[in-house]
N, C-alpha and C. Protein backbone atom coordinates (compact mmCIF):
# COMPACT_ATOMS: atom_id res chain seq x y z
N MET A 1 286.69 31.19 -81.94
CA MET A 1 286.43 30.28 -82.97
C MET A 1 284.91 30.09 -83.17
N VAL A 2 284.31 30.33 -84.27
CA VAL A 2 282.77 30.19 -84.49
C VAL A 2 282.69 28.77 -85.27
N ASP A 3 281.42 28.34 -85.21
CA ASP A 3 281.10 27.09 -85.67
C ASP A 3 281.58 26.75 -87.12
N GLU A 4 281.57 27.86 -88.01
CA GLU A 4 282.11 27.67 -89.43
C GLU A 4 283.44 27.29 -89.52
N THR A 5 284.27 27.51 -88.63
CA THR A 5 285.66 27.17 -88.49
C THR A 5 285.89 25.70 -88.05
N LEU A 6 284.92 25.08 -87.53
CA LEU A 6 285.02 23.82 -87.13
C LEU A 6 284.62 22.78 -88.31
N ASP A 7 285.47 21.81 -88.52
CA ASP A 7 285.24 20.82 -89.40
C ASP A 7 284.57 19.65 -88.90
N ASN A 8 284.18 18.65 -89.68
CA ASN A 8 283.44 17.51 -89.10
C ASN A 8 284.17 16.81 -88.12
N LEU A 9 285.49 16.74 -88.34
CA LEU A 9 286.39 16.00 -87.34
C LEU A 9 286.28 16.75 -85.98
N ASP A 10 286.45 18.07 -85.99
CA ASP A 10 286.30 18.84 -84.72
C ASP A 10 285.01 18.58 -84.10
N ARG A 11 283.96 18.64 -84.82
CA ARG A 11 282.53 18.48 -84.25
C ARG A 11 282.35 17.08 -83.58
N ARG A 12 282.86 16.04 -84.32
CA ARG A 12 282.88 14.68 -83.80
C ARG A 12 283.55 14.55 -82.57
N ILE A 13 284.85 15.15 -82.49
CA ILE A 13 285.61 15.09 -81.36
C ILE A 13 284.79 15.83 -80.09
N LEU A 14 284.19 17.00 -80.41
CA LEU A 14 283.41 17.63 -79.40
C LEU A 14 282.26 16.73 -78.87
N HIS A 15 281.53 16.14 -79.75
CA HIS A 15 280.48 15.30 -79.38
C HIS A 15 280.97 14.10 -78.56
N LEU A 16 282.18 13.44 -78.86
CA LEU A 16 282.48 12.34 -78.16
C LEU A 16 282.94 12.79 -76.74
N LEU A 17 283.70 13.95 -76.61
CA LEU A 17 284.08 14.50 -75.27
C LEU A 17 282.81 14.78 -74.50
N GLN A 18 281.65 15.31 -75.01
CA GLN A 18 280.61 15.59 -74.33
C GLN A 18 279.98 14.33 -73.90
N VAL A 19 279.93 13.23 -74.60
CA VAL A 19 279.30 12.01 -74.33
C VAL A 19 279.98 11.26 -73.02
N ASP A 20 281.35 11.34 -73.03
CA ASP A 20 282.13 10.65 -72.13
C ASP A 20 283.64 11.07 -71.96
N ALA A 21 283.78 12.32 -71.47
CA ALA A 21 285.15 12.91 -71.40
C ALA A 21 286.00 12.03 -70.66
N ARG A 22 285.66 11.41 -69.63
CA ARG A 22 286.43 10.65 -68.82
C ARG A 22 287.19 9.61 -69.65
N ASN A 23 286.43 8.85 -70.38
CA ASN A 23 286.87 7.57 -71.19
C ASN A 23 287.32 8.01 -72.63
N ALA A 24 287.21 9.29 -73.03
CA ALA A 24 287.49 9.64 -74.32
C ALA A 24 289.05 10.00 -74.54
N SER A 25 289.73 8.85 -74.55
CA SER A 25 291.17 8.93 -74.80
C SER A 25 291.41 9.29 -76.13
N ASP A 26 292.55 9.84 -76.45
CA ASP A 26 292.97 10.07 -77.86
C ASP A 26 292.84 8.85 -78.69
N THR A 27 293.19 7.61 -78.10
CA THR A 27 293.13 6.43 -78.89
C THR A 27 291.71 5.95 -79.14
N ALA A 28 290.82 6.22 -78.05
CA ALA A 28 289.44 5.83 -78.27
C ALA A 28 288.77 6.59 -79.25
N ILE A 29 288.96 7.96 -79.29
CA ILE A 29 288.46 8.86 -80.16
C ILE A 29 289.00 8.63 -81.60
N ALA A 30 290.28 8.22 -81.64
CA ALA A 30 290.93 7.85 -83.00
C ALA A 30 290.08 6.71 -83.59
N HIS A 31 289.84 5.73 -82.80
CA HIS A 31 289.02 4.56 -83.24
C HIS A 31 287.79 4.85 -83.77
N GLU A 32 287.02 5.67 -83.05
CA GLU A 32 285.75 6.10 -83.44
C GLU A 32 285.79 7.08 -84.73
N THR A 33 286.78 7.71 -85.02
CA THR A 33 286.79 8.59 -86.19
C THR A 33 287.75 8.18 -87.24
N ASP A 34 288.38 7.02 -87.21
CA ASP A 34 289.31 6.59 -88.17
C ASP A 34 290.35 7.50 -88.63
N VAL A 35 290.96 8.13 -87.53
CA VAL A 35 292.26 8.93 -87.81
C VAL A 35 293.23 8.57 -86.72
N THR A 36 294.48 9.07 -86.69
CA THR A 36 295.41 8.66 -85.75
C THR A 36 295.19 9.36 -84.42
N GLY A 37 295.82 8.76 -83.26
CA GLY A 37 295.63 9.30 -82.01
C GLY A 37 296.44 10.76 -81.93
N THR A 38 297.52 10.67 -82.68
CA THR A 38 298.30 11.99 -82.86
C THR A 38 297.31 13.13 -83.39
N THR A 39 296.59 12.74 -84.39
CA THR A 39 295.78 13.82 -85.01
C THR A 39 294.73 14.26 -84.00
N ILE A 40 294.09 13.42 -83.24
CA ILE A 40 293.05 13.65 -82.20
C ILE A 40 293.77 14.56 -81.16
N HIS A 41 294.87 14.18 -80.80
CA HIS A 41 295.64 14.93 -79.50
C HIS A 41 295.90 16.33 -79.99
N ASN A 42 296.31 16.44 -81.32
CA ASN A 42 296.58 17.71 -81.80
C ASN A 42 295.25 18.66 -81.96
N ARG A 43 294.22 17.92 -82.33
CA ARG A 43 292.98 18.57 -82.67
C ARG A 43 292.45 19.07 -81.32
N ILE A 44 292.43 18.19 -80.38
CA ILE A 44 291.95 18.65 -79.00
C ILE A 44 292.67 19.79 -78.34
N GLN A 45 294.07 19.74 -78.62
CA GLN A 45 294.89 20.86 -78.04
C GLN A 45 294.40 22.15 -78.87
N GLN A 46 294.31 22.05 -80.05
CA GLN A 46 293.80 23.30 -80.84
C GLN A 46 292.46 23.78 -80.39
N LEU A 47 291.60 23.01 -80.03
CA LEU A 47 290.27 23.28 -79.55
C LEU A 47 290.43 23.94 -78.16
N GLU A 48 291.20 23.36 -77.38
CA GLU A 48 291.54 24.07 -76.08
C GLU A 48 292.11 25.46 -76.25
N ASP A 49 293.22 25.48 -76.96
CA ASP A 49 294.05 26.72 -77.25
C ASP A 49 293.00 27.82 -77.75
N LYS A 50 292.12 27.43 -78.57
CA LYS A 50 291.03 28.44 -79.20
C LYS A 50 289.97 28.74 -78.22
N GLY A 51 289.88 28.15 -77.08
CA GLY A 51 288.81 28.46 -76.21
C GLY A 51 287.58 27.76 -76.39
N VAL A 52 287.47 26.67 -77.38
CA VAL A 52 286.39 25.94 -77.58
C VAL A 52 286.12 25.01 -76.57
N VAL A 53 287.04 24.17 -76.15
CA VAL A 53 286.98 23.39 -75.04
C VAL A 53 287.58 24.10 -73.79
N LEU A 54 286.60 24.42 -72.83
CA LEU A 54 287.07 25.20 -71.57
C LEU A 54 287.49 24.30 -70.43
N GLY A 55 287.07 23.05 -70.51
CA GLY A 55 287.56 22.28 -69.33
C GLY A 55 286.79 20.98 -69.27
N TYR A 56 287.17 20.16 -68.40
CA TYR A 56 286.57 18.78 -68.16
C TYR A 56 286.08 18.75 -66.81
N ASN A 57 284.77 18.69 -66.51
CA ASN A 57 284.28 18.75 -65.19
C ASN A 57 283.32 17.48 -65.06
N PRO A 58 283.44 17.03 -63.69
CA PRO A 58 282.66 15.79 -63.44
C PRO A 58 281.20 16.23 -63.14
N GLU A 59 280.38 15.31 -63.55
CA GLU A 59 278.93 15.53 -63.23
C GLU A 59 278.61 14.87 -61.82
N ILE A 60 278.26 15.71 -60.94
CA ILE A 60 278.27 15.26 -59.45
C ILE A 60 276.82 15.18 -58.98
N ASN A 61 276.50 14.08 -58.20
CA ASN A 61 275.16 13.82 -57.65
C ASN A 61 275.40 14.44 -56.22
N TYR A 62 274.98 15.66 -56.09
CA TYR A 62 275.21 16.34 -54.78
C TYR A 62 274.56 15.77 -53.57
N GLU A 63 273.34 15.34 -53.86
CA GLU A 63 272.56 14.51 -52.82
C GLU A 63 273.34 13.39 -52.24
N ARG A 64 273.97 12.64 -53.16
CA ARG A 64 274.77 11.45 -52.65
C ARG A 64 276.12 11.73 -52.05
N ALA A 65 276.54 12.99 -52.33
CA ALA A 65 277.65 13.69 -51.81
C ALA A 65 277.35 14.43 -50.44
N GLY A 66 276.20 14.31 -49.95
CA GLY A 66 275.78 14.84 -48.63
C GLY A 66 275.19 16.24 -48.57
N TYR A 67 274.83 16.68 -49.94
CA TYR A 67 274.31 18.08 -50.06
C TYR A 67 272.88 17.88 -50.87
N PRO A 68 271.95 17.39 -49.99
CA PRO A 68 270.59 17.10 -50.66
C PRO A 68 269.73 18.30 -51.17
N MET A 69 270.19 19.54 -50.81
CA MET A 69 269.43 20.70 -51.30
C MET A 69 270.09 21.34 -52.44
N ARG A 70 269.36 21.48 -53.48
CA ARG A 70 269.81 22.36 -54.66
C ARG A 70 268.74 23.45 -54.83
N VAL A 71 269.27 24.68 -54.86
CA VAL A 71 268.28 25.80 -54.92
C VAL A 71 268.75 26.68 -56.04
N LEU A 72 267.75 27.06 -56.86
CA LEU A 72 268.07 28.05 -58.05
C LEU A 72 267.40 29.39 -57.67
N PHE A 73 268.26 30.28 -57.43
CA PHE A 73 267.92 31.71 -57.14
C PHE A 73 267.82 32.49 -58.50
N ILE A 74 266.66 33.05 -58.60
CA ILE A 74 266.46 33.93 -59.85
C ILE A 74 266.75 35.34 -59.39
N CYS A 75 267.66 36.07 -59.83
CA CYS A 75 268.16 37.33 -59.28
C CYS A 75 268.04 38.40 -60.32
N SER A 76 268.08 39.60 -59.76
CA SER A 76 268.10 40.86 -60.63
C SER A 76 269.22 41.77 -60.27
N ILE A 77 269.82 42.36 -61.22
CA ILE A 77 270.86 43.38 -61.10
C ILE A 77 270.92 44.11 -62.23
N ASP A 78 271.37 45.45 -62.12
CA ASP A 78 271.54 46.33 -63.28
C ASP A 78 272.42 45.51 -64.35
N LEU A 79 272.01 45.52 -65.70
CA LEU A 79 272.76 44.87 -66.70
C LEU A 79 274.18 45.37 -66.72
N SER A 80 274.59 46.67 -66.41
CA SER A 80 275.92 47.01 -66.55
C SER A 80 276.77 46.29 -65.31
N LYS A 81 276.14 45.84 -64.34
CA LYS A 81 276.84 45.11 -63.18
C LYS A 81 276.78 43.59 -63.30
N ARG A 82 276.00 43.05 -64.25
CA ARG A 82 275.73 41.71 -64.31
C ARG A 82 277.01 40.83 -64.22
N SER A 83 277.97 41.04 -65.23
CA SER A 83 279.17 40.23 -65.16
C SER A 83 279.96 40.29 -63.94
N GLU A 84 280.04 41.43 -63.49
CA GLU A 84 280.91 41.70 -62.09
C GLU A 84 280.25 40.87 -61.01
N MET A 85 278.88 41.04 -60.99
CA MET A 85 278.16 40.34 -59.84
C MET A 85 278.12 38.82 -60.15
N ALA A 86 278.15 38.29 -61.36
CA ALA A 86 278.25 36.89 -61.55
C ALA A 86 279.52 36.36 -60.93
N GLU A 87 280.58 37.12 -61.24
CA GLU A 87 282.02 36.66 -60.67
C GLU A 87 281.86 36.71 -59.16
N LYS A 88 281.37 37.67 -58.55
CA LYS A 88 281.25 37.89 -57.02
C LYS A 88 280.45 36.68 -56.42
N ALA A 89 279.30 36.32 -57.23
CA ALA A 89 278.35 35.40 -56.68
C ALA A 89 279.05 33.99 -56.62
N LEU A 90 280.08 33.75 -57.40
CA LEU A 90 280.80 32.43 -57.31
C LEU A 90 281.44 32.20 -55.93
N ASP A 91 281.79 33.32 -55.25
CA ASP A 91 282.44 33.25 -54.10
C ASP A 91 281.54 32.99 -52.96
N VAL A 92 280.21 33.11 -53.13
CA VAL A 92 279.14 32.80 -52.08
C VAL A 92 279.09 31.32 -51.77
N ARG A 93 278.95 31.16 -50.46
CA ARG A 93 278.92 29.69 -49.94
C ARG A 93 277.85 28.85 -50.79
N GLY A 94 278.37 27.78 -51.32
CA GLY A 94 277.46 26.85 -51.90
C GLY A 94 277.19 26.98 -53.35
N VAL A 95 277.61 28.16 -53.92
CA VAL A 95 277.27 28.39 -55.37
C VAL A 95 278.09 27.59 -56.22
N VAL A 96 277.40 26.92 -57.15
CA VAL A 96 278.08 26.00 -58.10
C VAL A 96 277.95 26.36 -59.52
N ASN A 97 276.93 27.30 -59.82
CA ASN A 97 276.68 27.71 -61.07
C ASN A 97 276.14 29.15 -61.18
N VAL A 98 276.51 29.87 -62.00
CA VAL A 98 275.96 31.24 -62.13
C VAL A 98 275.75 31.39 -63.72
N ARG A 99 274.48 31.82 -64.17
CA ARG A 99 274.15 32.17 -65.47
C ARG A 99 273.68 33.51 -65.70
N GLU A 100 274.32 34.09 -66.58
CA GLU A 100 274.06 35.52 -67.02
C GLU A 100 272.87 35.38 -68.08
N MET A 101 271.75 35.98 -67.91
CA MET A 101 270.70 36.11 -68.90
C MET A 101 271.00 37.34 -69.71
N LEU A 102 270.75 37.22 -71.08
CA LEU A 102 271.01 38.27 -72.00
C LEU A 102 270.28 39.64 -71.65
N ALA A 103 269.06 39.65 -71.25
CA ALA A 103 268.37 40.79 -70.93
C ALA A 103 267.16 40.40 -70.01
N GLY A 104 266.54 41.50 -69.60
CA GLY A 104 265.36 41.27 -68.67
C GLY A 104 265.74 41.57 -67.27
N GLU A 105 264.67 41.62 -66.40
CA GLU A 105 264.95 41.79 -64.95
C GLU A 105 265.49 40.58 -64.21
N GLU A 106 265.06 39.37 -64.62
CA GLU A 106 265.61 38.18 -63.97
C GLU A 106 266.85 37.73 -64.69
N ASN A 107 268.01 38.46 -64.55
CA ASN A 107 268.97 38.32 -65.43
C ASN A 107 270.23 37.67 -64.84
N LEU A 108 270.14 37.10 -63.70
CA LEU A 108 271.36 36.25 -63.03
C LEU A 108 270.57 35.20 -62.32
N HIS A 109 270.94 33.97 -62.77
CA HIS A 109 270.48 32.70 -62.13
C HIS A 109 271.68 32.11 -61.42
N VAL A 110 271.41 31.85 -60.05
CA VAL A 110 272.43 31.35 -59.20
C VAL A 110 272.03 30.00 -58.68
N GLU A 111 272.72 28.94 -58.90
CA GLU A 111 272.51 27.57 -58.24
C GLU A 111 273.38 27.43 -57.06
N VAL A 112 272.66 27.03 -56.02
CA VAL A 112 273.48 26.65 -54.76
C VAL A 112 273.04 25.27 -54.28
N VAL A 113 274.15 24.57 -53.79
CA VAL A 113 273.94 23.34 -53.13
C VAL A 113 274.25 23.38 -51.60
N ALA A 114 273.49 22.72 -50.93
CA ALA A 114 273.54 22.68 -49.53
C ALA A 114 273.20 21.67 -48.72
N GLU A 115 273.64 21.59 -47.43
CA GLU A 115 273.26 20.43 -46.57
C GLU A 115 271.91 20.49 -46.06
N GLY A 116 271.46 21.84 -45.74
CA GLY A 116 270.21 22.08 -45.12
C GLY A 116 269.78 23.46 -45.21
N THR A 117 268.62 23.82 -44.65
CA THR A 117 268.08 25.10 -44.78
C THR A 117 268.87 26.22 -44.17
N SER A 118 269.68 25.92 -43.14
CA SER A 118 270.50 26.94 -42.63
C SER A 118 271.65 27.33 -43.57
N ASP A 119 272.27 26.49 -44.33
CA ASP A 119 273.16 26.77 -45.33
C ASP A 119 272.47 27.63 -46.47
N VAL A 120 271.27 27.26 -46.90
CA VAL A 120 270.62 28.04 -47.76
C VAL A 120 270.38 29.45 -47.50
N LYS A 121 269.95 29.61 -46.15
CA LYS A 121 269.76 30.96 -45.57
C LYS A 121 271.02 31.68 -45.48
N GLU A 122 272.29 31.02 -45.26
CA GLU A 122 273.51 31.86 -45.33
C GLU A 122 273.89 32.24 -46.69
N SER A 123 273.56 31.39 -47.76
CA SER A 123 273.85 31.83 -49.10
C SER A 123 272.87 32.86 -49.54
N THR A 124 271.57 32.87 -49.11
CA THR A 124 270.67 33.85 -49.35
C THR A 124 271.13 35.17 -48.90
N GLU A 125 271.60 35.23 -47.61
CA GLU A 125 272.12 36.50 -46.96
C GLU A 125 273.45 37.07 -47.73
N GLN A 126 274.27 36.16 -48.21
CA GLN A 126 275.44 36.58 -48.94
C GLN A 126 275.11 37.12 -50.26
N LEU A 127 274.01 36.46 -50.91
CA LEU A 127 273.71 37.13 -52.22
C LEU A 127 273.15 38.39 -52.08
N ASP A 128 272.24 38.67 -51.03
CA ASP A 128 271.56 39.81 -50.68
C ASP A 128 272.77 40.88 -50.42
N GLU A 129 273.78 40.55 -49.56
CA GLU A 129 274.91 41.48 -49.19
C GLU A 129 275.64 41.98 -50.48
N LEU A 130 275.60 41.18 -51.51
CA LEU A 130 276.28 41.59 -52.79
C LEU A 130 275.47 42.65 -53.52
N GLY A 131 274.18 42.79 -53.18
CA GLY A 131 273.20 43.66 -53.78
C GLY A 131 272.41 43.09 -54.83
N LEU A 132 272.39 41.74 -54.80
CA LEU A 132 271.48 41.09 -55.80
C LEU A 132 269.98 40.99 -55.22
N GLN A 133 269.09 41.35 -56.10
CA GLN A 133 267.74 41.32 -55.60
C GLN A 133 267.16 39.97 -55.99
N ILE A 134 266.86 39.16 -55.05
CA ILE A 134 266.32 37.76 -55.25
C ILE A 134 264.93 37.91 -55.70
N MET A 135 264.62 37.49 -56.80
CA MET A 135 263.16 37.53 -57.28
C MET A 135 262.42 36.30 -56.93
N SER A 136 263.04 35.14 -56.93
CA SER A 136 262.39 33.87 -56.54
C SER A 136 263.60 32.96 -56.27
N SER A 137 263.13 31.85 -55.62
CA SER A 137 264.11 30.77 -55.43
C SER A 137 263.21 29.46 -55.52
N ASN A 138 263.85 28.49 -56.10
CA ASN A 138 263.10 27.10 -56.41
C ASN A 138 264.10 26.13 -56.02
N ILE A 139 263.58 25.14 -55.34
CA ILE A 139 264.25 23.89 -54.96
C ILE A 139 264.31 23.06 -56.27
N LEU A 140 265.50 22.69 -56.68
CA LEU A 140 265.68 21.77 -57.89
C LEU A 140 265.60 20.30 -57.58
N ALA A 141 264.78 19.57 -58.24
CA ALA A 141 264.53 18.19 -58.13
C ALA A 141 265.48 17.39 -58.91
N GLU A 142 265.53 17.43 -60.10
CA GLU A 142 266.40 16.71 -61.02
C GLU A 142 266.77 17.72 -62.16
N GLU A 143 267.87 17.28 -62.80
CA GLU A 143 268.53 17.91 -63.83
C GLU A 143 268.79 16.81 -64.91
N HIS A 144 268.38 17.13 -66.20
CA HIS A 144 268.77 16.24 -67.29
C HIS A 144 269.58 16.81 -68.22
N ILE A 145 270.64 16.39 -68.49
CA ILE A 145 271.54 16.93 -69.41
C ILE A 145 271.91 15.86 -70.60
N GLN A 146 272.17 16.52 -71.82
CA GLN A 146 272.54 15.64 -72.89
C GLN A 146 273.62 16.41 -73.69
N PRO A 147 274.43 15.75 -74.45
CA PRO A 147 275.28 16.36 -75.49
C PRO A 147 274.54 17.04 -76.54
N TRP A 148 274.95 18.15 -76.97
CA TRP A 148 274.38 18.80 -78.06
C TRP A 148 274.50 18.05 -79.26
N ASN A 149 273.41 17.60 -79.81
CA ASN A 149 273.56 16.55 -80.96
C ASN A 149 273.94 17.15 -82.29
N HIS A 150 274.13 18.49 -82.46
CA HIS A 150 274.58 18.90 -83.66
C HIS A 150 276.15 18.85 -83.89
N PHE A 151 276.86 18.55 -82.83
CA PHE A 151 278.23 18.30 -82.97
C PHE A 151 278.35 16.81 -83.76
N HIS A 152 277.46 15.98 -83.56
CA HIS A 152 277.58 14.61 -83.93
C HIS A 152 277.06 14.41 -85.39
N GLN A 153 278.06 14.62 -86.29
CA GLN A 153 277.74 14.58 -87.73
C GLN A 153 278.58 13.44 -88.34
N ASP A 154 278.00 12.82 -89.31
CA ASP A 154 278.71 11.66 -90.06
C ASP A 154 279.87 12.33 -90.81
N MET A 155 281.00 11.75 -90.54
CA MET A 155 282.20 12.27 -91.33
C MET A 155 282.31 11.66 -92.86
N ALA A 156 281.66 10.55 -92.98
CA ALA A 156 281.82 9.86 -94.37
C ALA A 156 281.32 10.79 -95.42
N GLY A 157 281.91 10.61 -96.51
CA GLY A 157 281.55 11.52 -97.65
C GLY A 157 281.75 12.97 -97.70
N GLU A 158 282.54 13.43 -96.69
CA GLU A 158 282.76 14.78 -96.56
C GLU A 158 284.15 15.15 -97.17
N ASP A 159 284.03 15.96 -98.27
CA ASP A 159 285.23 16.44 -99.14
C ASP A 159 286.20 17.13 -98.31
N ALA A 160 285.86 17.78 -97.23
CA ALA A 160 286.77 18.70 -96.50
C ALA A 160 287.71 17.87 -95.68
N ASN A 161 287.43 16.60 -95.39
CA ASN A 161 288.13 15.71 -94.50
C ASN A 161 288.80 14.62 -95.27
N THR A 162 289.46 14.80 -96.14
CA THR A 162 290.17 13.82 -96.87
C THR A 162 291.30 13.20 -95.98
N PRO A 163 291.68 11.89 -96.08
CA PRO A 163 292.85 11.41 -95.31
C PRO A 163 294.03 12.29 -95.38
N ALA A 164 294.35 12.81 -96.52
CA ALA A 164 295.56 13.69 -96.49
C ALA A 164 295.50 14.98 -95.70
N GLU A 165 294.32 15.49 -95.57
CA GLU A 165 294.16 16.72 -94.76
C GLU A 165 294.19 16.42 -93.30
N ILE A 166 293.54 15.28 -92.86
CA ILE A 166 293.48 14.97 -91.56
C ILE A 166 294.82 14.60 -91.15
N GLY A 167 295.56 13.85 -91.84
CA GLY A 167 296.97 13.56 -91.45
C GLY A 167 297.89 14.69 -91.40
N SER A 168 297.59 15.80 -92.00
CA SER A 168 298.48 16.99 -91.97
C SER A 168 298.53 17.57 -90.47
N ASP A 169 297.56 17.18 -89.54
CA ASP A 169 297.70 17.72 -88.27
C ASP A 169 298.69 17.12 -87.42
N GLU A 170 299.31 15.85 -87.98
CA GLU A 170 300.30 15.11 -87.14
C GLU A 170 301.58 15.64 -87.02
N GLU A 171 301.84 16.57 -88.03
CA GLU A 171 303.26 17.20 -88.05
C GLU A 171 303.40 18.24 -86.90
């Protein structure tokens, strides 16, 4: 599903889910969008079925959870093996995130959480055993995330979302 197939209601739902998925009930989103809860439920189900919404994950403060070290490993691997290695890296102790870069030498970024340096050392050794060349590692201090603001568009005055069309999702 590409952005052109999303209408303003879909984009508004995505924005509200990003802002606070835990408290974004069908009823709460319906109130914010002036459509029925059934419509919202159906739209969310469609977004999940089409692979637009992949999941609902909590944002965790690892330091408060007893894992004060967060390390970002910048790794290199042959581009032909990048996706395979990304999957394998997820099995390494402490890995919470793996990002594949489109091109370049530093094409795999692996985030690890740990209690201390001995855990980081173990993760480093496991990444090395996979065949990843670690180019650098950085201790992460803070991360700041926000919802992508382009999903948040005013639905008012939009011809594509007349009440008759929105209500058609309820059936």
